[in-house]
Amino acid sequence: MALDAHLTELSHRHRALDRKIEEEQGRPTANEFKLAEWKRQKLRLKDEMERLRHEPQH
């Protein structure tokens, strides 16, 4: 997969997690375990995107 396409896919997944987190936080009885896991996933995606952006291209 081309780098740009991969970054785009990661960005879409990051935004989708953002929406899920916002939705869950809006609930009166938000599931803190889900929120914590989604936030970890979101951070891993962000780290992966940054790594790919700064990695030397071949």
PDB file of N, CA and C in Angstrom:
ATOM      1  N   MET A   1       0.850  -1.168   0.000  1.00  0.00           N
ATOM      2  CA  MET A   1       0.000   0.000   0.000  1.00  0.00           C
ATOM      3  C   MET A   1       0.900   1.237   0.000  1.00  0.00           C
ATOM      4  N   ALA A   2       0.555   2.197  -0.780  1.00  0.00           N
ATOM      5  CA  ALA A   2       1.324   3.431  -0.848  1.00  0.00           C
ATOM      6  C   ALA A   2       1.262   4.157   0.498  1.00  0.00           C
ATOM      7  N   LEU A   3       2.320   4.864   0.793  1.00  0.00           N
ATOM      8  CA  LEU A   3       2.412   5.552   2.081  1.00  0.00           C
ATOM      9  C   LEU A   3       1.241   6.509   2.299  1.00  0.00           C
ATOM     10  N   ASP A   4       0.912   7.310   1.293  1.00  0.00           N
ATOM     11  CA  ASP A   4      -0.195   8.266   1.438  1.00  0.00           C
ATOM     12  C   ASP A   4      -1.508   7.557   1.725  1.00  0.00           C
ATOM     13  N   ALA A   5      -1.760   6.464   1.050  1.00  0.00           N
ATOM     14  CA  ALA A   5      -2.996   5.707   1.270  1.00  0.00           C
ATOM     15  C   ALA A   5      -3.019   5.123   2.671  1.00  0.00           C
ATOM     16  N   HIS A   6      -1.879   4.628   3.114  1.00  0.00           N
ATOM     17  CA  HIS A   6      -1.796   4.057   4.455  1.00  0.00           C
ATOM     18  C   HIS A   6      -2.024   5.132   5.518  1.00  0.00           C
ATOM     19  N   LEU A   7      -1.409   6.298   5.325  1.00  0.00           N
ATOM     20  CA  LEU A   7      -1.610   7.395   6.267  1.00  0.00           C
ATOM     21  C   LEU A   7      -3.066   7.850   6.289  1.00  0.00           C
ATOM     22  N   THR A   8      -3.694   7.876   5.131  1.00  0.00           N
ATOM     23  CA  THR A   8      -5.102   8.253   5.046  1.00  0.00           C
ATOM     24  C   THR A   8      -5.961   7.263   5.814  1.00  0.00           C
ATOM     25  N   GLU A   9      -5.708   5.976   5.638  1.00  0.00           N
ATOM     26  CA  GLU A   9      -6.459   4.946   6.353  1.00  0.00           C
ATOM     27  C   GLU A   9      -6.266   5.086   7.867  1.00  0.00           C
ATOM     28  N   LEU A  10      -5.034   5.293   8.303  1.00  0.00           N
ATOM     29  CA  LEU A  10      -4.775   5.477   9.733  1.00  0.00           C
ATOM     30  C   LEU A  10      -5.502   6.707  10.268  1.00  0.00           C
ATOM     31  N   SER A  11      -5.520   7.764   9.490  1.00  0.00           N
ATOM     32  CA  SER A  11      -6.194   8.988   9.887  1.00  0.00           C
ATOM     33  C   SER A  11      -7.707   8.771  10.016  1.00  0.00           C
ATOM     34  N   HIS A  12      -8.291   8.016   9.089  1.00  0.00           N
ATOM     35  CA  HIS A  12      -9.728   7.692   9.163  1.00  0.00           C
ATOM     36  C   HIS A  12     -10.034   6.897  10.424  1.00  0.00           C
ATOM     37  N   ARG A  13      -9.194   5.930  10.724  1.00  0.00           N
ATOM     38  CA  ARG A  13      -9.397   5.113  11.918  1.00  0.00           C
ATOM     39  C   ARG A  13      -9.249   5.964  13.181  1.00  0.00           C
ATOM     40  N   HIS A  14      -8.306   6.906  13.170  1.00  0.00           N
ATOM     41  CA  HIS A  14      -8.087   7.807  14.304  1.00  0.00           C
ATOM     42  C   HIS A  14      -9.336   8.659  14.543  1.00  0.00           C
ATOM     43  N   ARG A  15      -9.887   9.226  13.468  1.00  0.00           N
ATOM     44  CA  ARG A  15     -11.096  10.056  13.592  1.00  0.00           C
ATOM     45  C   ARG A  15     -12.301   9.228  14.043  1.00  0.00           C
ATOM     46  N   ALA A  16     -12.406   7.986  13.562  1.00  0.00           N
ATOM     47  CA  ALA A  16     -13.514   7.122  13.968  1.00  0.00           C
ATOM     48  C   ALA A  16     -13.445   6.842  15.472  1.00  0.00           C
ATOM     49  N   LEU A  17     -12.248   6.601  15.978  1.00  0.00           N
ATOM     50  CA  LEU A  17     -12.087   6.391  17.415  1.00  0.00           C
ATOM     51  C   LEU A  17     -12.437   7.659  18.183  1.00  0.00           C
ATOM     52  N   ASP A  18     -12.066   8.805  17.646  1.00  0.00           N
ATOM     53  CA  ASP A  18     -12.398  10.083  18.268  1.00  0.00           C
ATOM     54  C   ASP A  18     -13.913  10.216  18.424  1.00  0.00           C
ATOM     55  N   ARG A  19     -14.644   9.877  17.377  1.00  0.00           N
ATOM     56  CA  ARG A  19     -16.111   9.959  17.423  1.00  0.00           C
ATOM     57  C   ARG A  19     -16.681   8.983  18.453  1.00  0.00           C
ATOM     58  N   LYS A  20     -16.143   7.748  18.501  1.00  0.00           N
ATOM     59  CA  LYS A  20     -16.619   6.761  19.469  1.00  0.00           C
ATOM     60  C   LYS A  20     -16.373   7.242  20.891  1.00  0.00           C
ATOM     61  N   ILE A  21     -15.204   7.838  21.121  1.00  0.00           N
ATOM     62  CA  ILE A  21     -14.860   8.340  22.452  1.00  0.00           C
ATOM     63  C   ILE A  21     -15.823   9.457  22.854  1.00  0.00           C
ATOM     64  N   GLU A  22     -16.048  10.401  21.948  1.00  0.00           N
ATOM     65  CA  GLU A  22     -16.966  11.507  22.237  1.00  0.00           C
ATOM     66  C   GLU A  22     -18.365  10.998  22.540  1.00  0.00           C
ATOM     67  N   GLU A  23     -18.822  10.046  21.747  1.00  0.00           N
ATOM     68  CA  GLU A  23     -20.158   9.489  21.943  1.00  0.00           C
ATOM     69  C   GLU A  23     -20.259   8.796  23.305  1.00  0.00           C
ATOM     70  N   GLU A  24     -19.269   8.001  23.633  1.00  0.00           N
ATOM     71  CA  GLU A  24     -19.289   7.273  24.909  1.00  0.00           C
ATOM     72  C   GLU A  24     -19.214   8.245  26.085  1.00  0.00           C
ATOM     73  N   GLN A  25     -18.398   9.294  25.957  1.00  0.00           N
ATOM     74  CA  GLN A  25     -18.281  10.270  27.038  1.00  0.00           C
ATOM     75  C   GLN A  25     -19.583  11.039  27.249  1.00  0.00           C
ATOM     76  N   GLY A  26     -20.418  11.098  26.229  1.00  0.00           N
ATOM     77  CA  GLY A  26     -21.693  11.794  26.339  1.00  0.00           C
ATOM     78  C   GLY A  26     -22.763  10.998  27.056  1.00  0.00           C
ATOM     79  N   ARG A  27     -22.489   9.739  27.309  1.00  0.00           N
ATOM     80  CA  ARG A  27     -23.459   8.893  28.007  1.00  0.00           C
ATOM     81  C   ARG A  27     -23.360   9.122  29.517  1.00  0.00           C
ATOM     82  N   PRO A  28     -24.497   9.045  30.197  1.00  0.00           N
ATOM     83  CA  PRO A  28     -24.467   9.239  31.651  1.00  0.00           C
ATOM     84  C   PRO A  28     -23.628   8.175  32.375  1.00  0.00           C
ATOM     85  N   THR A  29     -23.612   6.979  31.846  1.00  0.00           N
ATOM     86  CA  THR A  29     -22.839   5.892  32.471  1.00  0.00           C
ATOM     87  C   THR A  29     -21.787   5.400  31.489  1.00  0.00           C
ATOM     88  N   ALA A  30     -20.863   6.266  31.155  1.00  0.00           N
ATOM     89  CA  ALA A  30     -19.811   5.942  30.186  1.00  0.00           C
ATOM     90  C   ALA A  30     -18.981   4.763  30.703  1.00  0.00           C
ATOM     91  N   ASN A  31     -18.642   3.870  29.786  1.00  0.00           N
ATOM     92  CA  ASN A  31     -17.827   2.714  30.116  1.00  0.00           C
ATOM     93  C   ASN A  31     -16.354   3.140  30.105  1.00  0.00           C
ATOM     94  N   GLU A  32     -15.794   3.283  31.293  1.00  0.00           N
ATOM     95  CA  GLU A  32     -14.421   3.773  31.419  1.00  0.00           C
ATOM     96  C   GLU A  32     -13.401   2.805  30.833  1.00  0.00           C
ATOM     97  N   PHE A  33     -13.698   1.516  30.856  1.00  0.00           N
ATOM     98  CA  PHE A  33     -12.777   0.533  30.284  1.00  0.00           C
ATOM     99  C   PHE A  33     -12.719   0.666  28.764  1.00  0.00           C
ATOM    100  N   LYS A  34     -13.874   0.842  28.134  1.00  0.00           N
ATOM    101  CA  LYS A  34     -13.915   1.063  26.681  1.00  0.00           C
ATOM    102  C   LYS A  34     -13.162   2.344  26.334  1.00  0.00           C
ATOM    103  N   LEU A  35     -13.450   3.396  27.090  1.00  0.00           N
ATOM    104  CA  LEU A  35     -12.803   4.680  26.819  1.00  0.00           C
ATOM    105  C   LEU A  35     -11.285   4.565  26.914  1.00  0.00           C
ATOM    106  N   ALA A  36     -10.807   3.899  27.928  1.00  0.00           N
ATOM    107  CA  ALA A  36      -9.360   3.757  28.104  1.00  0.00           C
ATOM    108  C   ALA A  36      -8.751   2.977  26.940  1.00  0.00           C
ATOM    109  N   GLU A  37      -9.405   1.903  26.519  1.00  0.00           N
ATOM    110  CA  GLU A  37      -8.887   1.099  25.413  1.00  0.00           C
ATOM    111  C   GLU A  37      -8.902   1.897  24.112  1.00  0.00           C
ATOM    112  N   TRP A  38      -9.982   2.605  23.840  1.00  0.00           N
ATOM    113  CA  TRP A  38     -10.066   3.407  22.614  1.00  0.00           C
ATOM    114  C   TRP A  38      -9.018   4.514  22.611  1.00  0.00           C
ATOM    115  N   LYS A  39      -8.784   5.114  23.756  1.00  0.00           N
ATOM    116  CA  LYS A  39      -7.767   6.164  23.841  1.00  0.00           C
ATOM    117  C   LYS A  39      -6.373   5.593  23.590  1.00  0.00           C
ATOM    118  N   ARG A  40      -6.114   4.383  24.100  1.00  0.00           N
ATOM    119  CA  ARG A  40      -4.823   3.740  23.827  1.00  0.00           C
ATOM    120  C   ARG A  40      -4.680   3.442  22.341  1.00  0.00           C
ATOM    121  N   GLN A  41      -5.745   2.933  21.724  1.00  0.00           N
ATOM    122  CA  GLN A  41      -5.710   2.643  20.287  1.00  0.00           C
ATOM    123  C   GLN A  41      -5.461   3.919  19.494  1.00  0.00           C
ATOM    124  N   LYS A  42      -6.134   4.984  19.881  1.00  0.00           N
ATOM    125  CA  LYS A  42      -5.983   6.265  19.197  1.00  0.00           C
ATOM    126  C   LYS A  42      -4.540   6.762  19.304  1.00  0.00           C
ATOM    127  N   LEU A  43      -3.935   6.631  20.469  1.00  0.00           N
ATOM    128  CA  LEU A  43      -2.553   7.042  20.664  1.00  0.00           C
ATOM    129  C   LEU A  43      -1.603   6.189  19.821  1.00  0.00           C
ATOM    130  N   ARG A  44      -1.850   4.871  19.741  1.00  0.00           N
ATOM    131  CA  ARG A  44      -1.010   4.014  18.904  1.00  0.00           C
ATOM    132  C   ARG A  44      -1.102   4.422  17.444  1.00  0.00           C
ATOM    133  N   LEU A  45      -2.310   4.755  16.987  1.00  0.00           N
ATOM    134  CA  LEU A  45      -2.479   5.207  15.605  1.00  0.00           C
ATOM    135  C   LEU A  45      -1.718   6.506  15.364  1.00  0.00           C
ATOM    136  N   LYS A  46      -1.820   7.443  16.302  1.00  0.00           N
ATOM    137  CA  LYS A  46      -1.116   8.723  16.167  1.00  0.00           C
ATOM    138  C   LYS A  46       0.393   8.496  16.108  1.00  0.00           C
ATOM    139  N   ASP A  47       0.888   7.634  16.993  1.00  0.00           N
ATOM    140  CA  ASP A  47       2.323   7.332  16.995  1.00  0.00           C
ATOM    141  C   ASP A  47       2.761   6.704  15.675  1.00  0.00           C
ATOM    142  N   GLU A  48       1.955   5.800  15.150  1.00  0.00           N
ATOM    143  CA  GLU A  48       2.271   5.150  13.877  1.00  0.00           C
ATOM    144  C   GLU A  48       2.288   6.167  12.739  1.00  0.00           C
ATOM    145  N   MET A  49       1.322   7.079  12.722  1.00  0.00           N
ATOM    146  CA  MET A  49       1.280   8.100  11.675  1.00  0.00           C
ATOM    147  C   MET A  49       2.519   8.992  11.749  1.00  0.00           C
ATOM    148  N   GLU A  50       2.895   9.399  12.960  1.00  0.00           N
ATOM    149  CA  GLU A  50       4.079  10.244  13.116  1.00  0.00           C
ATOM    150  C   GLU A  50       5.338   9.504  12.679  1.00  0.00           C
ATOM    151  N   ARG A  51       5.444   8.246  13.044  1.00  0.00           N
ATOM    152  CA  ARG A  51       6.609   7.460  12.654  1.00  0.00           C
ATOM    153  C   ARG A  51       6.720   7.371  11.139  1.00  0.00           C
ATOM    154  N   LEU A  52       5.594   7.119  10.476  1.00  0.00           N
ATOM    155  CA  LEU A  52       5.598   6.999   9.020  1.00  0.00           C
ATOM    156  C   LEU A  52       5.928   8.330   8.340  1.00  0.00           C
ATOM    157  N   ARG A  53       5.448   9.418   8.905  1.00  0.00           N
ATOM    158  CA  ARG A  53       5.710  10.734   8.308  1.00  0.00           C
ATOM    159  C   ARG A  53       7.181  11.117   8.387  1.00  0.00           C
ATOM    160  N   HIS A  54       7.853  10.660   9.429  1.00  0.00           N
ATOM    161  CA  HIS A  54       9.245  11.064   9.653  1.00  0.00           C
ATOM    162  C   HIS A  54      10.255   9.991   9.275  1.00  0.00           C
ATOM    163  N   GLU A  55       9.771   8.883   8.808  1.00  0.00           N
ATOM    164  CA  GLU A  55      10.665   7.787   8.391  1.00  0.00           C
ATOM    165  C   GLU A  55      11.212   8.088   7.001  1.00  0.00           C
ATOM    166  N   PRO A  56      12.506   7.862   6.814  1.00  0.00           N
ATOM    167  CA  PRO A  56      13.080   8.071   5.461  1.00  0.00           C
ATOM    168  C   PRO A  56      12.387   7.166   4.436  1.00  0.00           C
ATOM    169  N   GLN A  57      12.095   7.733   3.292  1.00  0.00           N
ATOM    170  CA  GLN A  57      11.414   6.975   2.236  1.00  0.00           C
ATOM    171  C   GLN A  57      12.437   6.267   1.346  1.00  0.00           C
ATOM    172  N   HIS A  58      12.085   5.072   0.909  1.00  0.00           N
ATOM    173  CA  HIS A  58      12.983   4.284   0.050  1.00  0.00           C
ATOM    174  C   HIS A  58      12.604   4.454  -1.390  1.00  0.00           C
TER     175      HIS A  58
END
